C-alpha atoms as a PDB file:
ATOM      1  CA  MET A   1      57.994-163.220 101.398  1.00  0.00           C
ATOM      2  CA  LYS A   2      59.399-165.749 103.777  1.00  0.00           C
ATOM      3  CA  VAL A   3      62.853-164.518 103.291  1.00  0.00           C
ATOM      4  CA  PHE A   4      62.237-161.044 105.187  1.00  0.00           C
ATOM      5  CA  TRP A   5      61.249-162.769 108.324  1.00  0.00           C
ATOM      6  CA  ARG A   6      64.221-164.563 108.387  1.00  0.00           C
ATOM      7  CA  VAL A   7      66.483-161.707 108.463  1.00  0.00           C
ATOM      8  CA  PRO A   8      65.009-160.065 111.549  1.00  0.00           C
ATOM      9  CA  VAL A   9      64.366-163.391 113.322  1.00  0.00           C
ATOM     10  CA  SER A  10      68.533-164.026 112.316  1.00  0.00           C
ATOM     11  CA  LEU A  11      69.589-160.451 113.774  1.00  0.00           C
ATOM     12  CA  LEU A  12      67.218-160.992 117.138  1.00  0.00           C
ATOM     13  CA  LEU A  13      69.000-164.031 117.972  1.00  0.00           C
ATOM     14  CA  ALA A  14      72.656-163.130 116.842  1.00  0.00           C
ATOM     15  CA  ALA A  15      72.026-160.075 119.332  1.00  0.00           C
ATOM     16  CA  ALA A  16      70.597-162.538 122.301  1.00  0.00           C
ATOM     17  CA  LEU A  17      73.547-164.718 121.958  1.00  0.00           C
ATOM     18  CA  SER A  18      76.041-161.936 121.900  1.00  0.00           C
ATOM     19  CA  SER A  19      75.038-160.768 125.088  1.00  0.00           C
ATOM     20  CA  VAL A  20      74.824-163.951 127.171  1.00  0.00           C
ATOM     21  CA  SER A  21      78.286-164.223 129.128  1.00  0.00           C
ATOM     22  CA  CYS A  22      79.886-167.171 130.038  1.00  0.00           C
ATOM     23  CA  GLN A  23      78.753-168.381 133.257  1.00  0.00           C
ATOM     24  CA  VAL A  24      79.941-171.955 134.221  1.00  0.00           C
ATOM     25  CA  PRO A  25      76.781-173.858 136.059  1.00  0.00           C
ATOM     26  CA  VAL A  26      77.203-176.170 138.965  1.00  0.00           C
ATOM     27  CA  ASP A  27      74.844-178.440 140.657  1.00  0.00           C
ATOM     28  CA  GLY A  28      75.479-179.577 144.086  1.00  0.00           C
ATOM     29  CA  SER A  29      73.115-181.049 146.563  1.00  0.00           C
ATOM     30  CA  VAL A  30      72.496-180.133 150.612  1.00  0.00           C
ATOM     31  CA  GLY A  31      75.330-181.533 152.767  1.00  0.00           C
ATOM     32  CA  GLY A  32      77.507-182.158 149.711  1.00  0.00           C
ATOM     33  CA  SER A  33      80.633-180.721 148.383  1.00  0.00           C
ATOM     34  CA  VAL A  34      81.396-178.794 145.449  1.00  0.00           C
ATOM     35  CA  LEU A  35      84.291-177.205 143.267  1.00  0.00           C
ATOM     36  CA  LEU A  36      84.001-173.666 141.500  1.00  0.00           C
ATOM     37  CA  PRO A  37      86.046-173.478 138.544  1.00  0.00           C
ATOM     38  CA  CYS A  38      88.658-170.521 138.055  1.00  0.00           C
ATOM     39  CA  THR A  39      91.848-171.181 136.478  1.00  0.00           C
ATOM     40  CA  THR A  40      94.305-168.835 134.300  1.00  0.00           C
ATOM     41  CA  THR A  41      97.677-169.533 132.230  1.00  0.00           C
ATOM     42  CA  ASP A  42      98.930-166.229 133.321  1.00  0.00           C
ATOM     43  CA  LEU A  43     101.029-167.186 136.370  1.00  0.00           C
ATOM     44  CA  GLN A  44     101.966-163.452 137.231  1.00  0.00           C
ATOM     45  CA  PHE A  45      99.073-162.621 139.047  1.00  0.00           C
ATOM     46  CA  LEU A  46      98.880-160.716 142.165  1.00  0.00           C
ATOM     47  CA  ARG A  47      95.482-161.227 143.871  1.00  0.00           C
ATOM     48  CA  VAL A  48      92.200-163.522 143.224  1.00  0.00           C
ATOM     49  CA  PHE A  49      89.143-162.297 144.597  1.00  0.00           C
ATOM     50  CA  TRP A  50      85.995-165.080 145.277  1.00  0.00           C
ATOM     51  CA  ARG A  51      82.518-162.817 145.470  1.00  0.00           C
ATOM     52  CA  ASP A  52      78.690-164.062 145.619  1.00  0.00           C
ATOM     53  CA  LYS A  53      76.593-161.824 144.239  1.00  0.00           C
ATOM     54  CA  ASP A  54      75.903-159.401 147.100  1.00  0.00           C
ATOM     55  CA  ASP A  55      79.821-158.448 147.372  1.00  0.00           C
ATOM     56  CA  ASN A  56      80.333-160.747 150.345  1.00  0.00           C
ATOM     57  CA  VAL A  57      83.937-162.059 150.624  1.00  0.00           C
ATOM     58  CA  VAL A  58      83.813-165.984 149.840  1.00  0.00           C
ATOM     59  CA  LEU A  59      87.725-165.994 149.821  1.00  0.00           C
ATOM     60  CA  ASN A  60      91.050-164.051 149.248  1.00  0.00           C
ATOM     61  CA  ILE A  61      93.945-165.467 146.996  1.00  0.00           C
ATOM     62  CA  GLN A  62      96.857-163.425 147.878  1.00  0.00           C
ATOM     63  CA  ASN A  63     100.802-164.198 147.257  1.00  0.00           C
ATOM     64  CA  GLY A  64      99.788-167.226 146.461  1.00  0.00           C
ATOM     65  CA  SER A  65      97.882-168.629 149.627  1.00  0.00           C
ATOM     66  CA  PRO A  66      94.442-168.019 150.576  1.00  0.00           C
ATOM     67  CA  ASP A  67      93.646-165.299 152.850  1.00  0.00           C
ATOM     68  CA  TYR A  68      90.692-166.495 155.328  1.00  0.00           C
ATOM     69  CA  SER A  69      90.910-163.755 157.771  1.00  0.00           C
ATOM     70  CA  SER A  70      88.824-161.573 155.707  1.00  0.00           C
ATOM     71  CA  GLN A  71      86.145-164.086 154.516  1.00  0.00           C
ATOM     72  CA  ASN A  72      82.689-163.590 155.464  1.00  0.00           C
ATOM     73  CA  THR A  73      81.147-165.829 158.279  1.00  0.00           C
ATOM     74  CA  ARG A  74      78.904-167.473 156.554  1.00  0.00           C
ATOM     75  CA  TYR A  75      81.583-169.114 154.380  1.00  0.00           C
ATOM     76  CA  ARG A  76      84.212-169.605 157.116  1.00  0.00           C
ATOM     77  CA  GLU A  77      85.275-173.183 157.500  1.00  0.00           C
ATOM     78  CA  ARG A  78      83.157-174.402 154.499  1.00  0.00           C
ATOM     79  CA  VAL A  79      84.941-172.687 151.720  1.00  0.00           C
ATOM     80  CA  THR A  80      88.966-173.509 151.134  1.00  0.00           C
ATOM     81  CA  SER A  81      91.628-173.433 148.245  1.00  0.00           C
ATOM     82  CA  ASN A  82      94.628-175.530 147.560  1.00  0.00           C
ATOM     83  CA  GLN A  83      97.603-174.154 148.333  1.00  0.00           C
ATOM     84  CA  GLU A  84      99.383-176.349 145.832  1.00  0.00           C
ATOM     85  CA  GLU A  85      97.257-175.761 143.038  1.00  0.00           C
ATOM     86  CA  ILE A  86      97.419-172.011 143.332  1.00  0.00           C
ATOM     87  CA  ARG A  87     100.826-172.189 142.338  1.00  0.00           C
ATOM     88  CA  LYS A  88      99.728-174.087 139.475  1.00  0.00           C
ATOM     89  CA  GLY A  89      97.258-171.233 138.278  1.00  0.00           C
ATOM     90  CA  ASN A  90      94.410-172.876 139.494  1.00  0.00           C
ATOM     91  CA  PHE A  91      92.065-170.835 142.280  1.00  0.00           C
ATOM     92  CA  SER A  92      89.165-172.893 142.025  1.00  0.00           C
ATOM     93  CA  ILE A  93      87.155-172.956 145.419  1.00  0.00           C
ATOM     94  CA  LEU A  94      85.896-176.084 147.709  1.00  0.00           C
ATOM     95  CA  MET A  95      82.839-175.174 148.965  1.00  0.00           C
ATOM     96  CA  LYS A  96      81.381-177.921 151.942  1.00  0.00           C
ATOM     97  CA  ASN A  97      78.715-178.465 153.841  1.00  0.00           C
ATOM     98  CA  LEU A  98      76.150-176.985 150.993  1.00  0.00           C
ATOM     99  CA  GLN A  99      73.130-175.492 151.865  1.00  0.00           C
ATOM    100  CA  VAL A 100      70.070-174.739 149.467  1.00  0.00           C
ATOM    101  CA  ASP A 101      70.915-170.733 150.154  1.00  0.00           C
ATOM    102  CA  ASP A 102      74.326-171.279 148.664  1.00  0.00           C
ATOM    103  CA  SER A 103      72.563-171.275 145.204  1.00  0.00           C
ATOM    104  CA  ASP A 104      74.160-168.256 143.790  1.00  0.00           C
ATOM    105  CA  THR A 105      76.253-166.786 140.827  1.00  0.00           C
ATOM    106  CA  TYR A 106      79.991-166.411 142.507  1.00  0.00           C
ATOM    107  CA  VAL A 107      82.670-164.422 140.757  1.00  0.00           C
ATOM    108  CA  CYS A 108      86.279-165.047 140.701  1.00  0.00           C
ATOM    109  CA  THR A 109      88.191-161.729 139.863  1.00  0.00           C
ATOM    110  CA  ILE A 110      92.146-162.030 138.618  1.00  0.00           C
ATOM    111  CA  ILE A 111      94.104-158.811 139.366  1.00  0.00           C
ATOM    112  CA  PRO A 112      96.201-157.678 137.313  1.00  0.00           C
ATOM    113  CA  GLY A 113      93.499-157.617 134.565  1.00  0.00           C
ATOM    114  CA  GLY A 114      90.584-157.620 136.283  1.00  0.00           C
ATOM    115  CA  ASP A 115      89.776-161.260 134.447  1.00  0.00           C
ATOM    116  CA  GLU A 116      86.490-162.516 135.764  1.00  0.00           C
ATOM    117  CA  ARG A 117      84.904-165.964 135.676  1.00  0.00           C
ATOM    118  CA  ARG A 118      81.322-166.376 136.668  1.00  0.00           C
ATOM    119  CA  VAL A 119      80.072-169.766 138.186  1.00  0.00           C
ATOM    120  CA  GLN A 120      76.152-170.172 138.827  1.00  0.00           C
ATOM    121  CA  LEU A 121      75.656-172.783 141.660  1.00  0.00           C
ATOM    122  CA  THR A 122      72.636-174.457 141.959  1.00  0.00           C
ATOM    123  CA  VAL A 123      71.833-176.630 145.525  1.00  0.00           C
ATOM    124  CA  SER A 124      69.231-178.593 145.487  1.00  0.00           C
ATOM    125  CA  GLU A 125      67.336-180.652 148.433  1.00  0.00           C
ATOM    126  CA  LYS A 126      68.890-184.529 148.126  1.00  0.00           C
ATOM    127  CA  VAL A 127      66.802-186.987 146.387  1.00  0.00           C
ATOM    128  CA  SER A 128      66.134-190.217 147.621  1.00  0.00           C
ATOM    129  CA  PRO A 129      67.096-193.078 145.133  1.00  0.00           C
ATOM    130  CA  THR A 130      63.416-194.493 144.908  1.00  0.00           C
ATOM    131  CA  SER A 131      62.044-191.269 144.287  1.00  0.00           C
ATOM    132  CA  ALA A 132      64.451-190.425 141.826  1.00  0.00           C
ATOM    133  CA  ALA A 133      63.604-193.900 140.041  1.00  0.00           C
ATOM    134  CA  LYS A 134      59.939-192.679 139.810  1.00  0.00           C
ATOM    135  CA  THR A 135      60.419-189.723 138.268  1.00  0.00           C
ATOM    136  CA  ALA A 136      62.891-191.216 135.822  1.00  0.00           C
ATOM    137  CA  GLY A 137      60.581-193.862 134.913  1.00  0.00           C
ATOM    138  CA  SER A 138      57.805-191.769 134.156  1.00  0.00           C
ATOM    139  CA  SER A 139      59.265-189.728 131.476  1.00  0.00           C
ATOM    140  CA  GLY A 140      57.242-192.219 128.754  1.00  0.00           C
ATOM    141  CA  GLY A 141      59.861-192.805 126.096  1.00  0.00           C
ATOM    142  CA  ALA A 142      63.447-192.307 124.361  1.00  0.00           C
ATOM    143  CA  ALA A 143      63.114-188.378 124.006  1.00  0.00           C
ATOM    144  CA  GLY A 144      64.903-188.317 127.431  1.00  0.00           C
ATOM    145  CA  PRO A 145      68.412-189.109 125.913  1.00  0.00           C
ATOM    146  CA  SER A 146      68.087-187.433 122.537  1.00  0.00           C
ATOM    147  CA  ILE A 147      67.164-184.010 124.548  1.00  0.00           C
ATOM    148  CA  LEU A 148      70.057-184.589 126.899  1.00  0.00           C
ATOM    149  CA  LEU A 149      72.409-184.938 123.713  1.00  0.00           C
ATOM    150  CA  VAL A 150      71.091-181.361 122.300  1.00  0.00           C
ATOM    151  CA  VAL A 151      71.384-179.629 125.745  1.00  0.00           C
ATOM    152  CA  LEU A 152      75.152-181.698 126.367  1.00  0.00           C
ATOM    153  CA  LEU A 153      75.697-180.538 122.777  1.00  0.00           C
ATOM    154  CA  ALA A 154      74.699-176.738 123.677  1.00  0.00           C
ATOM    155  CA  ALA A 155      76.434-176.516 126.814  1.00  0.00           C
ATOM    156  CA  VAL A 156      79.980-177.653 125.043  1.00  0.00           C
ATOM    157  CA  ASP A 157      79.635-174.578 122.062  1.00  0.00           C
ATOM    158  CA  VAL A 158      79.030-172.112 124.601  1.00  0.00           C
ATOM    159  CA  LEU A 159      81.754-172.939 126.858  1.00  0.00           C
ATOM    160  CA  LEU A 160      83.947-173.307 123.727  1.00  0.00           C
ATOM    161  CA  SER A 161      82.647-169.930 122.921  1.00  0.00           C
ATOM    162  CA  CYS A 162      84.042-168.310 125.952  1.00  0.00           C
END
């Protein structure tokens, strides 16, 4: 009788996992900088478009160079890309002077082909060292490292399956 419930649960779990899109998590703190990754091995590209969830232009990369002319004013002077790295297929962007409202899903689309890379950026307020120490000291046991290991292994598994 126990076997009957395992099959539906397994099917539900498999369906849920198959619908999860690959999304790279990136964390930053207010005032800091982060690198939002986007790379390809196919160097026969024409254009790369970075957009936020509201379809605002974060950065366009055309003919091997960043094009800042169409960049949304919210990202001007804060989002850049390295032209030397672009030639190697690295279309990652550097976002500086982070603000809490930069927390968003960013999409890098590589044309031709329409390949997409999704990055989930979470920006947090800076934590002072004393409050971080108090929070870390209140965990109350050795479970913290083992939980971290499980989360890390799960993240590696998701990234390898992308």
